[in-house]
Amino acid sequence: MNFQCQCCGNCCRVPGTVHVTPDEAETIAAFLGMDVYAFTETYARLDDTRARLVLLEHPDGACIMLSPDNACRINPVKPQQCRDFPFGWRTPATVTACPAFSTFQP
């Protein structure tokens, strides 16, 4: 596959839901130097079914973990859902927002 991420952060600005497993929450919390309870209180919520943890979004829909310089604050430990993009999942909105798709040759 010839997908070259341009690190523009656009995929992290598309409103959507980023699920976090309990193990991922523990790992992210440790990476941020927090206990898991402080992490979930600050950066996550339960989804509408109250069965899964999801990362919060800024009011504009951007992921709470996207920094002003378009970097993921938790990149080394980001959730599997994020690591799987674009090969494990993609949406019409992320394809439209992502400039790397204009040169992508599957």
PDB file of N, CA and C in Angstrom:
ATOM      1  N   MET A   1       0.843  -1.183   0.000  1.00  0.00           N
ATOM      2  CA  MET A   1       0.000   0.000   0.000  1.00  0.00           C
ATOM      3  C   MET A   1       0.886   1.243   0.000  1.00  0.00           C
ATOM      4  N   ASN A   2       0.427   2.260  -0.643  1.00  0.00           N
ATOM      5  CA  ASN A   2       1.216   3.468  -0.820  1.00  0.00           C
ATOM      6  C   ASN A   2       0.549   4.675  -0.157  1.00  0.00           C
ATOM      7  N   PHE A   3       0.164   4.539   1.091  1.00  0.00           N
ATOM      8  CA  PHE A   3      -0.450   5.653   1.814  1.00  0.00           C
ATOM      9  C   PHE A   3       0.631   6.362   2.617  1.00  0.00           C
ATOM     10  N   GLN A   4       0.832   7.646   2.363  1.00  0.00           N
ATOM     11  CA  GLN A   4       1.834   8.437   3.068  1.00  0.00           C
ATOM     12  C   GLN A   4       1.132   9.523   3.877  1.00  0.00           C
ATOM     13  N   CYS A   5       1.007   9.289   5.178  1.00  0.00           N
ATOM     14  CA  CYS A   5       0.380  10.270   6.056  1.00  0.00           C
ATOM     15  C   CYS A   5       1.147  11.584   5.974  1.00  0.00           C
ATOM     16  N   GLN A   6       0.413  12.680   5.852  1.00  0.00           N
ATOM     17  CA  GLN A   6       1.015  14.009   5.765  1.00  0.00           C
ATOM     18  C   GLN A   6       0.988  14.738   7.098  1.00  0.00           C
ATOM     19  N   CYS A   7       0.534  14.051   8.129  1.00  0.00           N
ATOM     20  CA  CYS A   7       0.505  14.612   9.495  1.00  0.00           C
ATOM     21  C   CYS A   7      -0.202  15.959   9.556  1.00  0.00           C
ATOM     22  N   CYS A   8      -1.305  16.062   8.813  1.00  0.00           N
ATOM     23  CA  CYS A   8      -2.061  17.308   8.795  1.00  0.00           C
ATOM     24  C   CYS A   8      -3.056  17.393   9.949  1.00  0.00           C
ATOM     25  N   GLY A   9      -3.384  16.250  10.551  1.00  0.00           N
ATOM     26  CA  GLY A   9      -4.337  16.220  11.652  1.00  0.00           C
ATOM     27  C   GLY A   9      -5.790  16.259  11.225  1.00  0.00           C
ATOM     28  N   ASN A  10      -6.059  16.310   9.933  1.00  0.00           N
ATOM     29  CA  ASN A  10      -7.442  16.415   9.467  1.00  0.00           C
ATOM     30  C   ASN A  10      -8.289  15.216   9.874  1.00  0.00           C
ATOM     31  N   CYS A  11      -7.706  14.016   9.867  1.00  0.00           N
ATOM     32  CA  CYS A  11      -8.483  12.833  10.246  1.00  0.00           C
ATOM     33  C   CYS A  11      -8.922  12.928  11.708  1.00  0.00           C
ATOM     34  N   CYS A  12      -8.158  13.628  12.516  1.00  0.00           N
ATOM     35  CA  CYS A  12      -8.483  13.793  13.935  1.00  0.00           C
ATOM     36  C   CYS A  12      -9.446  14.947  14.182  1.00  0.00           C
ATOM     37  N   ARG A  13      -9.746  15.689  13.132  1.00  0.00           N
ATOM     38  CA  ARG A  13     -10.695  16.802  13.249  1.00  0.00           C
ATOM     39  C   ARG A  13     -12.087  16.420  12.779  1.00  0.00           C
ATOM     40  N   VAL A  14     -12.194  15.304  12.080  1.00  0.00           N
ATOM     41  CA  VAL A  14     -13.506  14.855  11.603  1.00  0.00           C
ATOM     42  C   VAL A  14     -14.282  14.345  12.814  1.00  0.00           C
ATOM     43  N   PRO A  15     -15.457  14.911  13.084  1.00  0.00           N
ATOM     44  CA  PRO A  15     -16.232  14.425  14.233  1.00  0.00           C
ATOM     45  C   PRO A  15     -16.515  12.933  14.112  1.00  0.00           C
ATOM     46  N   GLY A  16     -16.419  12.267  15.217  1.00  0.00           N
ATOM     47  CA  GLY A  16     -16.656  10.833  15.246  1.00  0.00           C
ATOM     48  C   GLY A  16     -16.361  10.290  16.630  1.00  0.00           C
ATOM     49  N   THR A  17     -16.406   8.989  16.755  1.00  0.00           N
ATOM     50  CA  THR A  17     -16.224   8.351  18.044  1.00  0.00           C
ATOM     51  C   THR A  17     -14.958   7.521  18.028  1.00  0.00           C
ATOM     52  N   VAL A  18     -14.065   7.778  18.978  1.00  0.00           N
ATOM     53  CA  VAL A  18     -12.861   6.973  19.135  1.00  0.00           C
ATOM     54  C   VAL A  18     -13.035   6.132  20.394  1.00  0.00           C
ATOM     55  N   HIS A  19     -13.219   4.836  20.191  1.00  0.00           N
ATOM     56  CA  HIS A  19     -13.404   3.910  21.307  1.00  0.00           C
ATOM     57  C   HIS A  19     -12.067   3.587  21.955  1.00  0.00           C
ATOM     58  N   VAL A  20     -12.102   3.428  23.269  1.00  0.00           N
ATOM     59  CA  VAL A  20     -10.911   3.110  24.053  1.00  0.00           C
ATOM     60  C   VAL A  20     -11.231   1.902  24.914  1.00  0.00           C
ATOM     61  N   THR A  21     -10.449   0.840  24.758  1.00  0.00           N
ATOM     62  CA  THR A  21     -10.653  -0.350  25.588  1.00  0.00           C
ATOM     63  C   THR A  21     -10.135  -0.077  26.998  1.00  0.00           C
ATOM     64  N   PRO A  22     -10.537  -0.880  27.956  1.00  0.00           N
ATOM     65  CA  PRO A  22      -9.996  -0.706  29.314  1.00  0.00           C
ATOM     66  C   PRO A  22      -8.473  -0.787  29.359  1.00  0.00           C
ATOM     67  N   ASP A  23      -7.882  -1.724  28.612  1.00  0.00           N
ATOM     68  CA  ASP A  23      -6.420  -1.821  28.583  1.00  0.00           C
ATOM     69  C   ASP A  23      -5.790  -0.573  27.968  1.00  0.00           C
ATOM     70  N   GLU A  24      -6.412  -0.063  26.900  1.00  0.00           N
ATOM     71  CA  GLU A  24      -5.894   1.162  26.278  1.00  0.00           C
ATOM     72  C   GLU A  24      -5.997   2.339  27.234  1.00  0.00           C
ATOM     73  N   ALA A  25      -7.088   2.418  27.983  1.00  0.00           N
ATOM     74  CA  ALA A  25      -7.241   3.502  28.960  1.00  0.00           C
ATOM     75  C   ALA A  25      -6.120   3.456  29.991  1.00  0.00           C
ATOM     76  N   GLU A  26      -5.796   2.271  30.469  1.00  0.00           N
ATOM     77  CA  GLU A  26      -4.698   2.108  31.434  1.00  0.00           C
ATOM     78  C   GLU A  26      -3.369   2.549  30.825  1.00  0.00           C
ATOM     79  N   THR A  27      -3.120   2.133  29.595  1.00  0.00           N
ATOM     80  CA  THR A  27      -1.862   2.457  28.919  1.00  0.00           C
ATOM     81  C   THR A  27      -1.754   3.956  28.650  1.00  0.00           C
ATOM     82  N   ILE A  28      -2.830   4.554  28.172  1.00  0.00           N
ATOM     83  CA  ILE A  28      -2.823   5.995  27.890  1.00  0.00           C
ATOM     84  C   ILE A  28      -2.642   6.777  29.181  1.00  0.00           C
ATOM     85  N   ALA A  29      -3.347   6.387  30.218  1.00  0.00           N
ATOM     86  CA  ALA A  29      -3.220   7.066  31.509  1.00  0.00           C
ATOM     87  C   ALA A  29      -1.779   7.019  31.997  1.00  0.00           C
ATOM     88  N   ALA A  30      -1.156   5.854  31.938  1.00  0.00           N
ATOM     89  CA  ALA A  30       0.235   5.725  32.377  1.00  0.00           C
ATOM     90  C   ALA A  30       1.150   6.601  31.531  1.00  0.00           C
ATOM     91  N   PHE A  31       0.911   6.631  30.217  1.00  0.00           N
ATOM     92  CA  PHE A  31       1.711   7.466  29.317  1.00  0.00           C
ATOM     93  C   PHE A  31       1.607   8.943  29.690  1.00  0.00           C
ATOM     94  N   LEU A  32       0.409   9.359  30.095  1.00  0.00           N
ATOM     95  CA  LEU A  32       0.174  10.755  30.485  1.00  0.00           C
ATOM     96  C   LEU A  32       0.557  11.033  31.935  1.00  0.00           C
ATOM     97  N   GLY A  33       0.996  10.009  32.649  1.00  0.00           N
ATOM     98  CA  GLY A  33       1.389  10.172  34.049  1.00  0.00           C
ATOM     99  C   GLY A  33       0.204  10.375  34.976  1.00  0.00           C
ATOM    100  N   MET A  34      -0.918   9.747  34.638  1.00  0.00           N
ATOM    101  CA  MET A  34      -2.148   9.884  35.413  1.00  0.00           C
ATOM    102  C   MET A  34      -2.615   8.499  35.848  1.00  0.00           C
ATOM    103  N   ASP A  35      -3.457   8.466  36.873  1.00  0.00           N
ATOM    104  CA  ASP A  35      -4.113   7.186  37.124  1.00  0.00           C
ATOM    105  C   ASP A  35      -5.310   7.099  36.177  1.00  0.00           C
ATOM    106  N   VAL A  36      -5.810   5.905  35.987  1.00  0.00           N
ATOM    107  CA  VAL A  36      -6.849   5.684  34.990  1.00  0.00           C
ATOM    108  C   VAL A  36      -8.131   6.443  35.328  1.00  0.00           C
ATOM    109  N   TYR A  37      -8.405   6.644  36.596  1.00  0.00           N
ATOM    110  CA  TYR A  37      -9.614   7.381  36.985  1.00  0.00           C
ATOM    111  C   TYR A  37      -9.499   8.852  36.601  1.00  0.00           C
ATOM    112  N   ALA A  38      -8.347   9.437  36.820  1.00  0.00           N
ATOM    113  CA  ALA A  38      -8.133  10.838  36.417  1.00  0.00           C
ATOM    114  C   ALA A  38      -8.189  10.962  34.897  1.00  0.00           C
ATOM    115  N   PHE A  39      -7.618   9.995  34.191  1.00  0.00           N
ATOM    116  CA  PHE A  39      -7.664  10.012  32.724  1.00  0.00           C
ATOM    117  C   PHE A  39      -9.100   9.989  32.223  1.00  0.00           C
ATOM    118  N   THR A  40      -9.891   9.035  32.732  1.00  0.00           N
ATOM    119  CA  THR A  40     -11.262   8.925  32.240  1.00  0.00           C
ATOM    120  C   THR A  40     -12.093  10.146  32.617  1.00  0.00           C
ATOM    121  N   GLU A  41     -11.852  10.711  33.769  1.00  0.00           N
ATOM    122  CA  GLU A  41     -12.580  11.912  34.185  1.00  0.00           C
ATOM    123  C   GLU A  41     -12.237  13.110  33.299  1.00  0.00           C
ATOM    124  N   THR A  42     -10.996  13.185  32.847  1.00  0.00           N
ATOM    125  CA  THR A  42     -10.510  14.341  32.100  1.00  0.00           C
ATOM    126  C   THR A  42     -10.677  14.205  30.592  1.00  0.00           C
ATOM    127  N   TYR A  43     -10.465  13.005  30.067  1.00  0.00           N
ATOM    128  CA  TYR A  43     -10.351  12.848  28.617  1.00  0.00           C
ATOM    129  C   TYR A  43     -11.339  11.885  27.972  1.00  0.00           C
ATOM    130  N   ALA A  44     -12.239  11.290  28.740  1.00  0.00           N
ATOM    131  CA  ALA A  44     -13.117  10.282  28.159  1.00  0.00           C
ATOM    132  C   ALA A  44     -14.523  10.365  28.745  1.00  0.00           C
ATOM    133  N   ARG A  45     -15.413   9.611  28.142  1.00  0.00           N
ATOM    134  CA  ARG A  45     -16.797   9.494  28.612  1.00  0.00           C
ATOM    135  C   ARG A  45     -17.306   8.140  28.176  1.00  0.00           C
ATOM    136  N   LEU A  46     -18.450   7.742  28.702  1.00  0.00           N
ATOM    137  CA  LEU A  46     -19.110   6.537  28.217  1.00  0.00           C
ATOM    138  C   LEU A  46     -19.875   6.867  26.945  1.00  0.00           C
ATOM    139  N   ASP A  47     -19.939   5.930  26.016  1.00  0.00           N
ATOM    140  CA  ASP A  47     -20.708   6.170  24.796  1.00  0.00           C
ATOM    141  C   ASP A  47     -22.205   6.154  25.111  1.00  0.00           C
ATOM    142  N   ASP A  48     -23.026   6.356  24.106  1.00  0.00           N
ATOM    143  CA  ASP A  48     -24.473   6.456  24.318  1.00  0.00           C
ATOM    144  C   ASP A  48     -25.085   5.189  24.899  1.00  0.00           C
ATOM    145  N   THR A  49     -24.446   4.050  24.681  1.00  0.00           N
ATOM    146  CA  THR A  49     -24.961   2.801  25.234  1.00  0.00           C
ATOM    147  C   THR A  49     -24.474   2.585  26.668  1.00  0.00           C
ATOM    148  N   ARG A  50     -23.563   3.421  27.110  1.00  0.00           N
ATOM    149  CA  ARG A  50     -22.936   3.356  28.430  1.00  0.00           C
ATOM    150  C   ARG A  50     -22.155   2.054  28.610  1.00  0.00           C
ATOM    151  N   ALA A  51     -21.744   1.455  27.476  1.00  0.00           N
ATOM    152  CA  ALA A  51     -21.026   0.186  27.525  1.00  0.00           C
ATOM    153  C   ALA A  51     -19.551   0.326  27.168  1.00  0.00           C
ATOM    154  N   ARG A  52     -19.201   1.424  26.494  1.00  0.00           N
ATOM    155  CA  ARG A  52     -17.827   1.580  26.024  1.00  0.00           C
ATOM    156  C   ARG A  52     -17.316   2.978  26.322  1.00  0.00           C
ATOM    157  N   LEU A  53     -16.031   3.047  26.537  1.00  0.00           N
ATOM    158  CA  LEU A  53     -15.366   4.316  26.799  1.00  0.00           C
ATOM    159  C   LEU A  53     -14.944   4.942  25.471  1.00  0.00           C
ATOM    160  N   VAL A  54     -15.136   6.256  25.332  1.00  0.00           N
ATOM    161  CA  VAL A  54     -14.719   6.975  24.127  1.00  0.00           C
ATOM    162  C   VAL A  54     -13.962   8.236  24.528  1.00  0.00           C
ATOM    163  N   LEU A  55     -13.045   8.661  23.654  1.00  0.00           N
ATOM    164  CA  LEU A  55     -12.330   9.903  23.898  1.00  0.00           C
ATOM    165  C   LEU A  55     -13.266  11.086  23.681  1.00  0.00           C
ATOM    166  N   LEU A  56     -13.063  12.126  24.451  1.00  0.00           N
ATOM    167  CA  LEU A  56     -13.826  13.352  24.277  1.00  0.00           C
ATOM    168  C   LEU A  56     -13.408  14.064  22.997  1.00  0.00           C
ATOM    169  N   GLU A  57     -14.238  15.000  22.581  1.00  0.00           N
ATOM    170  CA  GLU A  57     -13.936  15.848  21.433  1.00  0.00           C
ATOM    171  C   GLU A  57     -13.985  17.304  21.880  1.00  0.00           C
ATOM    172  N   HIS A  58     -13.238  18.132  21.170  1.00  0.00           N
ATOM    173  CA  HIS A  58     -13.356  19.571  21.361  1.00  0.00           C
ATOM    174  C   HIS A  58     -14.706  20.010  20.785  1.00  0.00           C
ATOM    175  N   PRO A  59     -15.183  21.203  21.112  1.00  0.00           N
ATOM    176  CA  PRO A  59     -16.474  21.657  20.579  1.00  0.00           C
ATOM    177  C   PRO A  59     -16.570  21.621  19.047  1.00  0.00           C
ATOM    178  N   ASP A  60     -15.429  21.757  18.361  1.00  0.00           N
ATOM    179  CA  ASP A  60     -15.454  21.728  16.894  1.00  0.00           C
ATOM    180  C   ASP A  60     -15.410  20.307  16.332  1.00  0.00           C
ATOM    181  N   GLY A  61     -15.400  19.295  17.198  1.00  0.00           N
ATOM    182  CA  GLY A  61     -15.389  17.910  16.759  1.00  0.00           C
ATOM    183  C   GLY A  61     -14.014  17.264  16.733  1.00  0.00           C
ATOM    184  N   ALA A  62     -12.960  18.039  16.902  1.00  0.00           N
ATOM    185  CA  ALA A  62     -11.597  17.494  16.892  1.00  0.00           C
ATOM    186  C   ALA A  62     -11.363  16.626  18.126  1.00  0.00           C
ATOM    187  N   CYS A  63     -10.546  15.620  17.962  1.00  0.00           N
ATOM    188  CA  CYS A  63     -10.192  14.736  19.076  1.00  0.00           C
ATOM    189  C   CYS A  63      -9.506  15.534  20.182  1.00  0.00           C
ATOM    190  N   ILE A  64      -9.821  15.210  21.402  1.00  0.00           N
ATOM    191  CA  ILE A  64      -9.250  15.881  22.574  1.00  0.00           C
ATOM    192  C   ILE A  64      -7.731  15.701  22.626  1.00  0.00           C
ATOM    193  N   MET A  65      -7.209  14.687  21.971  1.00  0.00           N
ATOM    194  CA  MET A  65      -5.781  14.403  22.011  1.00  0.00           C
ATOM    195  C   MET A  65      -4.999  15.070  20.879  1.00  0.00           C
ATOM    196  N   LEU A  66      -5.681  15.797  20.002  1.00  0.00           N
ATOM    197  CA  LEU A  66      -4.993  16.508  18.924  1.00  0.00           C
ATOM    198  C   LEU A  66      -4.437  17.822  19.458  1.00  0.00           C
ATOM    199  N   SER A  67      -3.135  18.003  19.329  1.00  0.00           N
ATOM    200  CA  SER A  67      -2.492  19.232  19.816  1.00  0.00           C
ATOM    201  C   SER A  67      -2.588  20.324  18.748  1.00  0.00           C
ATOM    202  N   PRO A  68      -2.342  21.576  19.122  1.00  0.00           N
ATOM    203  CA  PRO A  68      -2.419  22.675  18.157  1.00  0.00           C
ATOM    204  C   PRO A  68      -1.467  22.522  16.963  1.00  0.00           C
ATOM    205  N   ASP A  69      -0.391  21.760  17.130  1.00  0.00           N
ATOM    206  CA  ASP A  69       0.544  21.561  16.014  1.00  0.00           C
ATOM    207  C   ASP A  69       0.220  20.304  15.196  1.00  0.00           C
ATOM    208  N   ASN A  70      -1.012  19.822  15.296  1.00  0.00           N
ATOM    209  CA  ASN A  70      -1.524  18.676  14.536  1.00  0.00           C
ATOM    210  C   ASN A  70      -0.932  17.339  14.958  1.00  0.00           C
ATOM    211  N   ALA A  71      -0.288  17.277  16.080  1.00  0.00           N
ATOM    212  CA  ALA A  71       0.292  16.022  16.555  1.00  0.00           C
ATOM    213  C   ALA A  71      -0.656  15.359  17.550  1.00  0.00           C
ATOM    214  N   CYS A  72      -0.632  14.048  17.547  1.00  0.00           N
ATOM    215  CA  CYS A  72      -1.404  13.300  18.528  1.00  0.00           C
ATOM    216  C   CYS A  72      -0.623  13.283  19.834  1.00  0.00           C
ATOM    217  N   ARG A  73      -1.222  13.771  20.893  1.00  0.00           N
ATOM    218  CA  ARG A  73      -0.549  13.829  22.199  1.00  0.00           C
ATOM    219  C   ARG A  73      -0.224  12.449  22.735  1.00  0.00           C
ATOM    220  N   ILE A  74      -0.915  11.429  22.248  1.00  0.00           N
ATOM    221  CA  ILE A  74      -0.699  10.071  22.739  1.00  0.00           C
ATOM    222  C   ILE A  74      -0.266   9.134  21.614  1.00  0.00           C
ATOM    223  N   ASN A  75       0.363   9.646  20.593  1.00  0.00           N
ATOM    224  CA  ASN A  75       0.694   8.854  19.411  1.00  0.00           C
ATOM    225  C   ASN A  75       1.343   7.502  19.717  1.00  0.00           C
ATOM    226  N   PRO A  76       2.335   7.419  20.596  1.00  0.00           N
ATOM    227  CA  PRO A  76       2.948   6.106  20.837  1.00  0.00           C
ATOM    228  C   PRO A  76       1.993   5.075  21.451  1.00  0.00           C
ATOM    229  N   VAL A  77       0.912   5.531  22.054  1.00  0.00           N
ATOM    230  CA  VAL A  77      -0.031   4.622  22.719  1.00  0.00           C
ATOM    231  C   VAL A  77      -1.469   4.861  22.269  1.00  0.00           C
ATOM    232  N   LYS A  78      -1.652   5.454  21.114  1.00  0.00           N
ATOM    233  CA  LYS A  78      -3.006   5.776  20.663  1.00  0.00           C
ATOM    234  C   LYS A  78      -3.840   4.514  20.500  1.00  0.00           C
ATOM    235  N   PRO A  79      -5.161   4.644  20.610  1.00  0.00           N
ATOM    236  CA  PRO A  79      -6.050   3.483  20.524  1.00  0.00           C
ATOM    237  C   PRO A  79      -5.894   2.727  19.204  1.00  0.00           C
ATOM    238  N   GLN A  80      -6.197   1.445  19.253  1.00  0.00           N
ATOM    239  CA  GLN A  80      -6.109   0.598  18.058  1.00  0.00           C
ATOM    240  C   GLN A  80      -6.929   1.183  16.917  1.00  0.00           C
ATOM    241  N   GLN A  81      -8.078   1.741  17.221  1.00  0.00           N
ATOM    242  CA  GLN A  81      -8.920   2.332  16.182  1.00  0.00           C
ATOM    243  C   GLN A  81      -8.134   3.377  15.392  1.00  0.00           C
ATOM    244  N   CYS A  82      -7.360   4.197  16.066  1.00  0.00           N
ATOM    245  CA  CYS A  82      -6.562   5.218  15.395  1.00  0.00           C
ATOM    246  C   CYS A  82      -5.406   4.588  14.621  1.00  0.00           C
ATOM    247  N   ARG A  83      -4.779   3.584  15.210  1.00  0.00           N
ATOM    248  CA  ARG A  83      -3.662   2.911  14.528  1.00  0.00           C
ATOM    249  C   ARG A  83      -4.121   2.213  13.255  1.00  0.00           C
ATOM    250  N   ASP A  84      -5.374   1.795  13.203  1.00  0.00           N
ATOM    251  CA  ASP A  84      -5.893   1.076  12.038  1.00  0.00           C
ATOM    252  C   ASP A  84      -6.201   1.977  10.841  1.00  0.00           C
ATOM    253  N   PHE A  85      -6.253   3.278  11.037  1.00  0.00           N
ATOM    254  CA  PHE A  85      -6.556   4.188   9.929  1.00  0.00           C
ATOM    255  C   PHE A  85      -5.334   4.320   9.027  1.00  0.00           C
ATOM    256  N   PRO A  86      -5.485   4.257   7.701  1.00  0.00           N
ATOM    257  CA  PRO A  86      -6.696   4.145   6.887  1.00  0.00           C
ATOM    258  C   PRO A  86      -6.998   2.730   6.418  1.00  0.00           C
ATOM    259  N   PHE A  87      -6.188   1.766   6.820  1.00  0.00           N
ATOM    260  CA  PHE A  87      -6.347   0.429   6.262  1.00  0.00           C
ATOM    261  C   PHE A  87      -7.438  -0.390   6.943  1.00  0.00           C
ATOM    262  N   GLY A  88      -7.697  -0.158   8.215  1.00  0.00           N
ATOM    263  CA  GLY A  88      -8.714  -0.914   8.928  1.00  0.00           C
ATOM    264  C   GLY A  88     -10.082  -0.280   8.865  1.00  0.00           C
ATOM    265  N   TRP A  89     -10.129   1.006   8.644  1.00  0.00           N
ATOM    266  CA  TRP A  89     -11.408   1.705   8.546  1.00  0.00           C
ATOM    267  C   TRP A  89     -11.176   3.059   7.886  1.00  0.00           C
ATOM    268  N   ARG A  90     -12.208   3.593   7.325  1.00  0.00           N
ATOM    269  CA  ARG A  90     -12.223   4.967   6.815  1.00  0.00           C
ATOM    270  C   ARG A  90     -13.668   5.328   6.543  1.00  0.00           C
ATOM    271  N   THR A  91     -13.938   6.597   6.542  1.00  0.00           N
ATOM    272  CA  THR A  91     -15.290   7.086   6.275  1.00  0.00           C
ATOM    273  C   THR A  91     -15.217   8.067   5.113  1.00  0.00           C
ATOM    274  N   PRO A  92     -16.325   8.352   4.472  1.00  0.00           N
ATOM    275  CA  PRO A  92     -16.298   9.362   3.413  1.00  0.00           C
ATOM    276  C   PRO A  92     -15.756  10.705   3.918  1.00  0.00           C
ATOM    277  N   ALA A  93     -16.081  11.060   5.163  1.00  0.00           N
ATOM    278  CA  ALA A  93     -15.609  12.341   5.707  1.00  0.00           C
ATOM    279  C   ALA A  93     -14.095  12.348   5.896  1.00  0.00           C
ATOM    280  N   THR A  94     -13.521  11.247   6.369  1.00  0.00           N
ATOM    281  CA  THR A  94     -12.066  11.226   6.550  1.00  0.00           C
ATOM    282  C   THR A  94     -11.349  11.182   5.214  1.00  0.00           C
ATOM    283  N   VAL A  95     -11.893  10.467   4.243  1.00  0.00           N
ATOM    284  CA  VAL A  95     -11.280  10.422   2.914  1.00  0.00           C
ATOM    285  C   VAL A  95     -11.282  11.813   2.293  1.00  0.00           C
ATOM    286  N   THR A  96     -12.381  12.528   2.427  1.00  0.00           N
ATOM    287  CA  THR A  96     -12.477  13.880   1.887  1.00  0.00           C
ATOM    288  C   THR A  96     -11.518  14.828   2.603  1.00  0.00           C
ATOM    289  N   ALA A  97     -11.386  14.695   3.906  1.00  0.00           N
ATOM    290  CA  ALA A  97     -10.553  15.600   4.700  1.00  0.00           C
ATOM    291  C   ALA A  97      -9.064  15.331   4.543  1.00  0.00           C
ATOM    292  N   CYS A  98      -8.691  14.112   4.212  1.00  0.00           N
ATOM    293  CA  CYS A  98      -7.288  13.693   4.206  1.00  0.00           C
ATOM    294  C   CYS A  98      -6.629  13.946   2.849  1.00  0.00           C
ATOM    295  N   PRO A  99      -5.646  14.852   2.790  1.00  0.00           N
ATOM    296  CA  PRO A  99      -4.983  15.120   1.510  1.00  0.00           C
ATOM    297  C   PRO A  99      -4.159  13.937   1.002  1.00  0.00           C
ATOM    298  N   ALA A 100      -3.766  13.016   1.860  1.00  0.00           N
ATOM    299  CA  ALA A 100      -2.973  11.860   1.416  1.00  0.00           C
ATOM    300  C   ALA A 100      -3.786  10.933   0.524  1.00  0.00           C
ATOM    301  N   PHE A 101      -5.105  10.956   0.624  1.00  0.00           N
ATOM    302  CA  PHE A 101      -5.916  10.089  -0.223  1.00  0.00           C
ATOM    303  C   PHE A 101      -5.879  10.515  -1.687  1.00  0.00           C
ATOM    304  N   SER A 102      -5.522  11.762  -1.965  1.00  0.00           N
ATOM    305  CA  SER A 102      -5.480  12.200  -3.357  1.00  0.00           C
ATOM    306  C   SER A 102      -4.352  11.497  -4.134  1.00  0.00           C
ATOM    307  N   THR A 103      -3.350  10.994  -3.423  1.00  0.00           N
ATOM    308  CA  THR A 103      -2.245  10.282  -4.070  1.00  0.00           C
ATOM    309  C   THR A 103      -2.203   8.820  -3.692  1.00  0.00           C
ATOM    310  N   PHE A 104      -3.194   8.339  -2.967  1.00  0.00           N
ATOM    311  CA  PHE A 104      -3.214   6.970  -2.455  1.00  0.00           C
ATOM    312  C   PHE A 104      -3.473   5.985  -3.596  1.00  0.00           C
ATOM    313  N   GLN A 105      -2.616   4.986  -3.703  1.00  0.00           N
ATOM    314  CA  GLN A 105      -2.755   3.919  -4.694  1.00  0.00           C
ATOM    315  C   GLN A 105      -2.857   2.580  -3.959  1.00  0.00           C
ATOM    316  N   PRO A 106      -4.077   2.043  -3.756  1.00  0.00           N
ATOM    317  CA  PRO A 106      -4.190   0.759  -3.043  1.00  0.00           C
ATOM    318  C   PRO A 106      -3.561  -0.393  -3.812  1.00  0.00           C
TER     319      PRO A 106
END
